[in-house]
Amino acid sequence: MKPVPTLLLPLLLLIASLASAADGLIAIRSPHSASVTMNRLEDVVKQRGLTVFARIDHAAGAAKIGKTLRPTELLIFGNPQGGTPLMECAQSAGIDLPLKALVWEDASSQVWVGYNDPAYLAQRHGAAQCPAVENLTKALSSLSSAAVAP
């Protein structure tokens, strides 16, 4: 077998890291700071009539034990109208509900909004053909797009 040319190695590593990062996680770049992005996300979730169950600041939690994390916050939200149809297809999907979105700042100071791909969740629970996936996908895409809009 021939050795991989030096220039191809970084490209192969990038492709491998993108593939593993994309395993069920949809991540969208934000032009805003992490706190602004999360505030915008929480606002749009509430404006659209969804319930915010919790907002968890992982960096603040780390600080309580003397550790440092870049900004990392989780928003847990939803409503029965969105989640129940998925659970009708596969009741075990309740372990992945309510919906969650993570806002974080990476090592290069890029802010991201990430969420579980509803199609991935449905497949995980043996309900890949569940009609609820389309609506959940549209809702999460719309919410995250609004949060990162300029």
N, C-alpha and C. Protein backbone atom coordinates (compact mmCIF):
# COMPACT_ATOMS: atom_id res chain seq x y z
N MET A 1 0.85 -1.18 0.00
CA MET A 1 0.00 0.00 0.00
C MET A 1 0.89 1.23 0.00
N LYS A 2 0.52 2.25 -0.81
CA LYS A 2 1.28 3.48 -0.89
C LYS A 2 0.95 4.37 0.30
N PRO A 3 1.93 5.15 0.79
CA PRO A 3 1.62 6.09 1.88
C PRO A 3 0.73 7.22 1.37
N VAL A 4 -0.08 7.75 2.26
CA VAL A 4 -0.96 8.87 1.93
C VAL A 4 -0.10 10.12 1.79
N PRO A 5 -0.23 10.85 0.68
CA PRO A 5 0.54 12.08 0.52
C PRO A 5 0.27 13.05 1.68
N THR A 6 1.27 13.80 2.07
CA THR A 6 1.20 14.69 3.22
C THR A 6 0.05 15.67 3.13
N LEU A 7 -0.24 16.19 1.96
CA LEU A 7 -1.32 17.16 1.81
C LEU A 7 -2.71 16.53 1.98
N LEU A 8 -2.83 15.26 1.68
CA LEU A 8 -4.13 14.60 1.80
C LEU A 8 -4.47 14.24 3.23
N LEU A 9 -3.47 14.05 4.07
CA LEU A 9 -3.73 13.65 5.45
C LEU A 9 -4.62 14.63 6.20
N PRO A 10 -4.35 15.95 6.17
CA PRO A 10 -5.25 16.87 6.88
C PRO A 10 -6.68 16.82 6.33
N LEU A 11 -6.82 16.67 5.02
CA LEU A 11 -8.14 16.58 4.42
C LEU A 11 -8.88 15.33 4.90
N LEU A 12 -8.20 14.21 4.94
CA LEU A 12 -8.83 12.98 5.42
C LEU A 12 -9.22 13.09 6.88
N LEU A 13 -8.38 13.72 7.68
CA LEU A 13 -8.70 13.91 9.10
C LEU A 13 -9.91 14.82 9.26
N LEU A 14 -10.00 15.87 8.44
CA LEU A 14 -11.14 16.77 8.49
C LEU A 14 -12.43 16.03 8.13
N ILE A 15 -12.39 15.25 7.07
CA ILE A 15 -13.58 14.49 6.66
C ILE A 15 -14.00 13.51 7.76
N ALA A 16 -13.03 12.85 8.37
CA ALA A 16 -13.34 11.90 9.44
C ALA A 16 -13.96 12.61 10.64
N SER A 17 -13.45 13.79 10.98
CA SER A 17 -14.00 14.50 12.13
C SER A 17 -15.40 15.03 11.83
N LEU A 18 -15.65 15.48 10.59
CA LEU A 18 -16.98 15.95 10.22
C LEU A 18 -17.99 14.80 10.26
N ALA A 19 -17.57 13.63 9.82
CA ALA A 19 -18.47 12.49 9.81
C ALA A 19 -18.86 12.09 11.22
N SER A 20 -17.93 12.08 12.15
CA SER A 20 -18.27 11.68 13.50
C SER A 20 -19.07 12.78 14.20
N ALA A 21 -18.76 14.02 13.91
CA ALA A 21 -19.48 15.12 14.54
C ALA A 21 -20.92 15.17 14.04
N ALA A 22 -21.15 14.72 12.82
CA ALA A 22 -22.48 14.82 12.22
C ALA A 22 -23.36 13.62 12.57
N ASP A 23 -22.87 12.68 13.34
CA ASP A 23 -23.63 11.48 13.68
C ASP A 23 -24.83 11.81 14.56
N GLY A 24 -25.91 12.25 13.91
CA GLY A 24 -27.13 12.56 14.62
C GLY A 24 -27.20 13.98 15.16
N LEU A 25 -26.16 14.76 14.99
CA LEU A 25 -26.13 16.13 15.49
C LEU A 25 -26.11 17.10 14.32
N ILE A 26 -27.03 18.03 14.33
CA ILE A 26 -27.03 19.11 13.34
C ILE A 26 -26.47 20.33 14.04
N ALA A 27 -25.44 20.93 13.46
CA ALA A 27 -24.79 22.11 14.06
C ALA A 27 -24.77 23.24 13.05
N ILE A 28 -25.15 24.42 13.52
CA ILE A 28 -25.23 25.60 12.67
C ILE A 28 -24.38 26.70 13.29
N ARG A 29 -23.56 27.34 12.47
CA ARG A 29 -22.72 28.44 12.94
C ARG A 29 -23.57 29.64 13.32
N SER A 30 -23.13 30.33 14.36
CA SER A 30 -23.80 31.57 14.75
C SER A 30 -22.82 32.73 14.64
N PRO A 31 -23.28 33.87 14.12
CA PRO A 31 -22.41 35.04 14.06
C PRO A 31 -22.39 35.82 15.39
N HIS A 32 -23.18 35.36 16.35
CA HIS A 32 -23.32 36.05 17.63
C HIS A 32 -22.49 35.36 18.71
N SER A 33 -22.36 36.02 19.84
CA SER A 33 -21.73 35.39 20.99
C SER A 33 -22.62 34.25 21.47
N ALA A 34 -22.07 33.39 22.32
CA ALA A 34 -22.85 32.27 22.84
C ALA A 34 -24.05 32.77 23.65
N SER A 35 -23.84 33.76 24.49
CA SER A 35 -24.95 34.23 25.33
C SER A 35 -26.04 34.90 24.49
N VAL A 36 -25.65 35.68 23.50
CA VAL A 36 -26.65 36.31 22.62
C VAL A 36 -27.40 35.24 21.83
N THR A 37 -26.68 34.25 21.32
CA THR A 37 -27.32 33.17 20.57
C THR A 37 -28.32 32.43 21.43
N MET A 38 -27.93 32.08 22.65
CA MET A 38 -28.85 31.36 23.53
C MET A 38 -30.05 32.22 23.92
N ASN A 39 -29.82 33.49 24.20
CA ASN A 39 -30.94 34.39 24.51
C ASN A 39 -31.92 34.47 23.35
N ARG A 40 -31.38 34.59 22.14
CA ARG A 40 -32.23 34.66 20.95
C ARG A 40 -33.01 33.36 20.77
N LEU A 41 -32.33 32.23 20.99
CA LEU A 41 -32.99 30.94 20.85
C LEU A 41 -34.12 30.80 21.87
N GLU A 42 -33.83 31.13 23.11
CA GLU A 42 -34.86 31.03 24.14
C GLU A 42 -36.04 31.95 23.82
N ASP A 43 -35.76 33.15 23.36
CA ASP A 43 -36.83 34.09 23.01
C ASP A 43 -37.72 33.55 21.88
N VAL A 44 -37.11 33.02 20.84
CA VAL A 44 -37.90 32.53 19.70
C VAL A 44 -38.69 31.28 20.10
N VAL A 45 -38.13 30.44 20.95
CA VAL A 45 -38.85 29.27 21.44
C VAL A 45 -40.12 29.72 22.17
N LYS A 46 -39.98 30.70 23.05
CA LYS A 46 -41.13 31.20 23.80
C LYS A 46 -42.14 31.90 22.89
N GLN A 47 -41.64 32.70 21.93
CA GLN A 47 -42.53 33.41 21.00
C GLN A 47 -43.38 32.45 20.19
N ARG A 48 -42.85 31.27 19.93
CA ARG A 48 -43.60 30.30 19.12
C ARG A 48 -44.47 29.38 19.98
N GLY A 49 -44.62 29.73 21.24
CA GLY A 49 -45.55 29.02 22.10
C GLY A 49 -45.05 27.72 22.70
N LEU A 50 -43.77 27.49 22.63
CA LEU A 50 -43.21 26.28 23.24
C LEU A 50 -42.86 26.55 24.70
N THR A 51 -42.81 25.51 25.48
CA THR A 51 -42.45 25.63 26.89
C THR A 51 -40.95 25.43 27.05
N VAL A 52 -40.31 26.34 27.79
CA VAL A 52 -38.91 26.15 28.16
C VAL A 52 -38.91 25.45 29.52
N PHE A 53 -38.38 24.25 29.56
CA PHE A 53 -38.35 23.47 30.79
C PHE A 53 -37.10 23.78 31.61
N ALA A 54 -35.99 24.04 30.92
CA ALA A 54 -34.74 24.32 31.64
C ALA A 54 -33.73 24.96 30.71
N ARG A 55 -32.88 25.77 31.31
CA ARG A 55 -31.72 26.34 30.63
C ARG A 55 -30.54 26.03 31.53
N ILE A 56 -29.64 25.22 31.04
CA ILE A 56 -28.53 24.72 31.85
C ILE A 56 -27.22 25.31 31.35
N ASP A 57 -26.52 25.98 32.25
CA ASP A 57 -25.23 26.60 31.93
C ASP A 57 -24.12 25.65 32.39
N HIS A 58 -23.60 24.86 31.45
CA HIS A 58 -22.56 23.89 31.78
C HIS A 58 -21.27 24.57 32.23
N ALA A 59 -20.95 25.73 31.67
CA ALA A 59 -19.72 26.44 32.07
C ALA A 59 -19.83 26.91 33.52
N ALA A 60 -21.02 27.36 33.92
CA ALA A 60 -21.22 27.78 35.31
C ALA A 60 -21.10 26.58 36.24
N GLY A 61 -21.61 25.45 35.82
CA GLY A 61 -21.47 24.23 36.62
C GLY A 61 -20.02 23.83 36.78
N ALA A 62 -19.25 23.91 35.70
CA ALA A 62 -17.84 23.58 35.77
C ALA A 62 -17.10 24.52 36.71
N ALA A 63 -17.48 25.79 36.68
CA ALA A 63 -16.82 26.78 37.56
C ALA A 63 -17.04 26.44 39.03
N LYS A 64 -18.17 25.83 39.36
CA LYS A 64 -18.46 25.46 40.75
C LYS A 64 -17.50 24.41 41.29
N ILE A 65 -16.87 23.67 40.40
CA ILE A 65 -15.91 22.67 40.85
C ILE A 65 -14.47 23.05 40.47
N GLY A 66 -14.29 24.33 40.16
CA GLY A 66 -12.96 24.83 39.86
C GLY A 66 -12.45 24.50 38.47
N LYS A 67 -13.35 24.14 37.57
CA LYS A 67 -12.97 23.81 36.19
C LYS A 67 -13.42 24.93 35.27
N THR A 68 -12.84 24.95 34.07
CA THR A 68 -13.18 25.98 33.10
C THR A 68 -13.67 25.33 31.81
N LEU A 69 -14.83 25.77 31.37
CA LEU A 69 -15.37 25.39 30.06
C LEU A 69 -15.64 26.66 29.28
N ARG A 70 -15.44 26.58 27.98
CA ARG A 70 -15.90 27.69 27.14
C ARG A 70 -17.41 27.75 27.28
N PRO A 71 -18.04 28.86 26.89
CA PRO A 71 -19.50 28.97 27.00
C PRO A 71 -20.20 27.76 26.39
N THR A 72 -21.06 27.14 27.19
CA THR A 72 -21.80 25.95 26.77
C THR A 72 -23.11 25.93 27.55
N GLU A 73 -24.23 26.12 26.83
CA GLU A 73 -25.55 26.11 27.48
C GLU A 73 -26.51 25.20 26.73
N LEU A 74 -27.36 24.55 27.49
CA LEU A 74 -28.36 23.64 26.94
C LEU A 74 -29.75 24.20 27.23
N LEU A 75 -30.60 24.21 26.21
CA LEU A 75 -31.99 24.62 26.38
C LEU A 75 -32.85 23.38 26.16
N ILE A 76 -33.73 23.10 27.12
CA ILE A 76 -34.66 21.98 27.02
C ILE A 76 -36.06 22.57 26.87
N PHE A 77 -36.74 22.19 25.80
CA PHE A 77 -38.02 22.83 25.46
C PHE A 77 -38.90 21.89 24.66
N GLY A 78 -40.16 22.28 24.51
CA GLY A 78 -41.06 21.51 23.66
C GLY A 78 -42.50 21.74 24.01
N ASN A 79 -43.35 20.89 23.44
CA ASN A 79 -44.77 20.86 23.79
C ASN A 79 -45.33 19.51 23.37
N PRO A 80 -46.44 19.10 23.95
CA PRO A 80 -47.01 17.79 23.62
C PRO A 80 -47.40 17.65 22.15
N GLN A 81 -47.76 18.75 21.51
CA GLN A 81 -48.18 18.70 20.11
C GLN A 81 -47.03 18.21 19.21
N GLY A 82 -45.80 18.57 19.57
CA GLY A 82 -44.66 18.14 18.76
C GLY A 82 -44.12 16.78 19.16
N GLY A 83 -44.04 16.51 20.45
CA GLY A 83 -43.42 15.28 20.93
C GLY A 83 -44.31 14.06 20.92
N THR A 84 -45.59 14.24 21.21
CA THR A 84 -46.50 13.10 21.29
C THR A 84 -46.58 12.30 19.99
N PRO A 85 -46.67 12.95 18.82
CA PRO A 85 -46.72 12.16 17.58
C PRO A 85 -45.49 11.28 17.37
N LEU A 86 -44.32 11.74 17.80
CA LEU A 86 -43.14 10.89 17.68
C LEU A 86 -43.24 9.71 18.65
N MET A 87 -43.74 9.97 19.85
CA MET A 87 -43.90 8.88 20.82
C MET A 87 -45.01 7.91 20.43
N GLU A 88 -45.99 8.38 19.63
CA GLU A 88 -47.00 7.46 19.11
C GLU A 88 -46.37 6.47 18.14
N CYS A 89 -45.34 6.91 17.43
CA CYS A 89 -44.63 6.02 16.52
C CYS A 89 -43.71 5.08 17.29
N ALA A 90 -43.09 5.59 18.35
CA ALA A 90 -42.17 4.80 19.16
C ALA A 90 -42.11 5.43 20.55
N GLN A 91 -42.79 4.80 21.48
CA GLN A 91 -42.89 5.38 22.82
C GLN A 91 -41.52 5.57 23.47
N SER A 92 -40.56 4.75 23.11
CA SER A 92 -39.22 4.88 23.69
C SER A 92 -38.55 6.20 23.31
N ALA A 93 -39.07 6.90 22.30
CA ALA A 93 -38.51 8.20 21.92
C ALA A 93 -38.65 9.21 23.05
N GLY A 94 -39.50 8.91 24.02
CA GLY A 94 -39.66 9.79 25.17
C GLY A 94 -38.35 10.02 25.93
N ILE A 95 -37.40 9.12 25.81
CA ILE A 95 -36.09 9.31 26.46
C ILE A 95 -35.34 10.48 25.83
N ASP A 96 -35.65 10.80 24.58
CA ASP A 96 -34.97 11.89 23.87
C ASP A 96 -35.81 13.16 23.83
N LEU A 97 -36.92 13.16 24.52
CA LEU A 97 -37.78 14.33 24.57
C LEU A 97 -37.87 14.82 26.00
N PRO A 98 -38.14 16.07 26.27
CA PRO A 98 -38.38 17.13 25.30
C PRO A 98 -37.14 17.41 24.44
N LEU A 99 -37.36 18.28 23.48
CA LEU A 99 -36.28 18.66 22.57
C LEU A 99 -35.18 19.40 23.31
N LYS A 100 -33.99 19.37 22.75
CA LYS A 100 -32.84 20.05 23.34
C LYS A 100 -32.05 20.75 22.26
N ALA A 101 -31.47 21.88 22.64
CA ALA A 101 -30.54 22.57 21.74
C ALA A 101 -29.35 23.02 22.59
N LEU A 102 -28.16 22.84 22.06
CA LEU A 102 -26.94 23.21 22.74
C LEU A 102 -26.29 24.37 22.01
N VAL A 103 -25.90 25.38 22.76
CA VAL A 103 -25.13 26.50 22.19
C VAL A 103 -23.76 26.42 22.85
N TRP A 104 -22.72 26.42 22.01
CA TRP A 104 -21.37 26.35 22.55
C TRP A 104 -20.40 27.15 21.71
N GLU A 105 -19.29 27.48 22.34
CA GLU A 105 -18.20 28.17 21.66
C GLU A 105 -17.05 27.18 21.55
N ASP A 106 -16.55 26.98 20.33
CA ASP A 106 -15.48 26.02 20.14
C ASP A 106 -14.11 26.65 20.41
N ALA A 107 -13.07 25.87 20.25
CA ALA A 107 -11.71 26.32 20.58
C ALA A 107 -11.25 27.49 19.72
N SER A 108 -11.87 27.70 18.57
CA SER A 108 -11.48 28.83 17.72
C SER A 108 -12.43 30.01 17.89
N SER A 109 -13.22 30.00 18.97
CA SER A 109 -14.18 31.06 19.31
C SER A 109 -15.38 31.13 18.37
N GLN A 110 -15.61 30.09 17.59
CA GLN A 110 -16.81 30.01 16.76
C GLN A 110 -17.96 29.51 17.62
N VAL A 111 -19.11 30.16 17.53
CA VAL A 111 -20.29 29.76 18.28
C VAL A 111 -21.18 28.90 17.39
N TRP A 112 -21.77 27.88 17.99
CA TRP A 112 -22.62 26.92 17.29
C TRP A 112 -23.92 26.71 18.03
N VAL A 113 -24.96 26.38 17.27
CA VAL A 113 -26.21 25.87 17.82
C VAL A 113 -26.34 24.45 17.28
N GLY A 114 -26.52 23.50 18.18
CA GLY A 114 -26.65 22.12 17.76
C GLY A 114 -27.89 21.48 18.36
N TYR A 115 -28.44 20.52 17.61
CA TYR A 115 -29.59 19.78 18.11
C TYR A 115 -29.60 18.40 17.47
N ASN A 116 -30.30 17.48 18.12
CA ASN A 116 -30.42 16.12 17.60
C ASN A 116 -31.32 16.12 16.37
N ASP A 117 -30.85 15.48 15.33
CA ASP A 117 -31.62 15.34 14.10
C ASP A 117 -32.83 14.44 14.37
N PRO A 118 -34.06 14.95 14.19
CA PRO A 118 -35.23 14.12 14.46
C PRO A 118 -35.24 12.81 13.66
N ALA A 119 -34.72 12.82 12.43
CA ALA A 119 -34.67 11.59 11.65
C ALA A 119 -33.75 10.57 12.31
N TYR A 120 -32.66 11.05 12.87
CA TYR A 120 -31.72 10.18 13.59
C TYR A 120 -32.41 9.59 14.82
N LEU A 121 -33.14 10.44 15.56
CA LEU A 121 -33.84 9.96 16.75
C LEU A 121 -34.90 8.92 16.38
N ALA A 122 -35.66 9.20 15.33
CA ALA A 122 -36.70 8.26 14.90
C ALA A 122 -36.08 6.92 14.51
N GLN A 123 -34.98 6.98 13.78
CA GLN A 123 -34.30 5.75 13.39
C GLN A 123 -33.79 5.01 14.62
N ARG A 124 -33.25 5.76 15.57
CA ARG A 124 -32.74 5.15 16.80
C ARG A 124 -33.82 4.34 17.51
N HIS A 125 -35.07 4.80 17.41
CA HIS A 125 -36.17 4.15 18.11
C HIS A 125 -37.00 3.26 17.18
N GLY A 126 -36.47 2.94 16.01
CA GLY A 126 -37.15 2.02 15.10
C GLY A 126 -38.38 2.62 14.44
N ALA A 127 -38.40 3.93 14.28
CA ALA A 127 -39.56 4.60 13.70
C ALA A 127 -39.14 5.52 12.56
N ALA A 128 -38.25 5.04 11.72
CA ALA A 128 -37.69 5.88 10.65
C ALA A 128 -38.75 6.46 9.73
N GLN A 129 -39.89 5.81 9.58
CA GLN A 129 -40.94 6.29 8.68
C GLN A 129 -41.99 7.14 9.39
N CYS A 130 -41.72 7.54 10.62
CA CYS A 130 -42.70 8.30 11.41
C CYS A 130 -42.99 9.65 10.75
N PRO A 131 -44.25 9.95 10.49
CA PRO A 131 -44.58 11.23 9.85
C PRO A 131 -44.28 12.46 10.71
N ALA A 132 -44.12 12.28 12.01
CA ALA A 132 -43.83 13.40 12.90
C ALA A 132 -42.43 13.98 12.66
N VAL A 133 -41.55 13.21 12.07
CA VAL A 133 -40.17 13.65 11.87
C VAL A 133 -40.11 14.91 11.03
N GLU A 134 -40.91 14.99 9.99
CA GLU A 134 -40.88 16.15 9.10
C GLU A 134 -41.20 17.44 9.85
N ASN A 135 -42.25 17.42 10.66
CA ASN A 135 -42.62 18.62 11.41
C ASN A 135 -41.57 19.00 12.44
N LEU A 136 -41.02 18.01 13.14
CA LEU A 136 -39.97 18.30 14.13
C LEU A 136 -38.73 18.86 13.45
N THR A 137 -38.39 18.31 12.29
CA THR A 137 -37.23 18.79 11.54
C THR A 137 -37.42 20.24 11.13
N LYS A 138 -38.58 20.56 10.60
CA LYS A 138 -38.87 21.94 10.19
C LYS A 138 -38.84 22.89 11.39
N ALA A 139 -39.42 22.47 12.49
CA ALA A 139 -39.46 23.32 13.69
C ALA A 139 -38.06 23.61 14.22
N LEU A 140 -37.25 22.59 14.36
CA LEU A 140 -35.89 22.78 14.89
C LEU A 140 -35.03 23.61 13.94
N SER A 141 -35.18 23.39 12.66
CA SER A 141 -34.43 24.18 11.69
C SER A 141 -34.84 25.65 11.75
N SER A 142 -36.12 25.88 11.84
CA SER A 142 -36.64 27.25 11.89
C SER A 142 -36.19 27.96 13.17
N LEU A 143 -36.27 27.27 14.29
CA LEU A 143 -35.86 27.87 15.57
C LEU A 143 -34.37 28.23 15.58
N SER A 144 -33.56 27.29 15.13
CA SER A 144 -32.11 27.53 15.14
C SER A 144 -31.73 28.60 14.12
N SER A 145 -32.38 28.60 12.97
CA SER A 145 -32.10 29.63 11.96
C SER A 145 -32.44 31.01 12.48
N ALA A 146 -33.55 31.13 13.20
CA ALA A 146 -33.93 32.43 13.78
C ALA A 146 -32.92 32.87 14.83
N ALA A 147 -32.39 31.93 15.59
CA ALA A 147 -31.42 32.27 16.64
C ALA A 147 -30.11 32.79 16.09
N VAL A 148 -29.72 32.31 14.90
CA VAL A 148 -28.43 32.70 14.33
C VAL A 148 -28.55 33.76 13.25
N ALA A 149 -29.77 34.21 12.96
CA ALA A 149 -29.96 35.22 11.92
C ALA A 149 -29.20 36.50 12.28
N PRO A 150 -28.65 37.18 11.26
CA PRO A 150 -27.91 38.42 11.54
C PRO A 150 -28.77 39.50 12.17
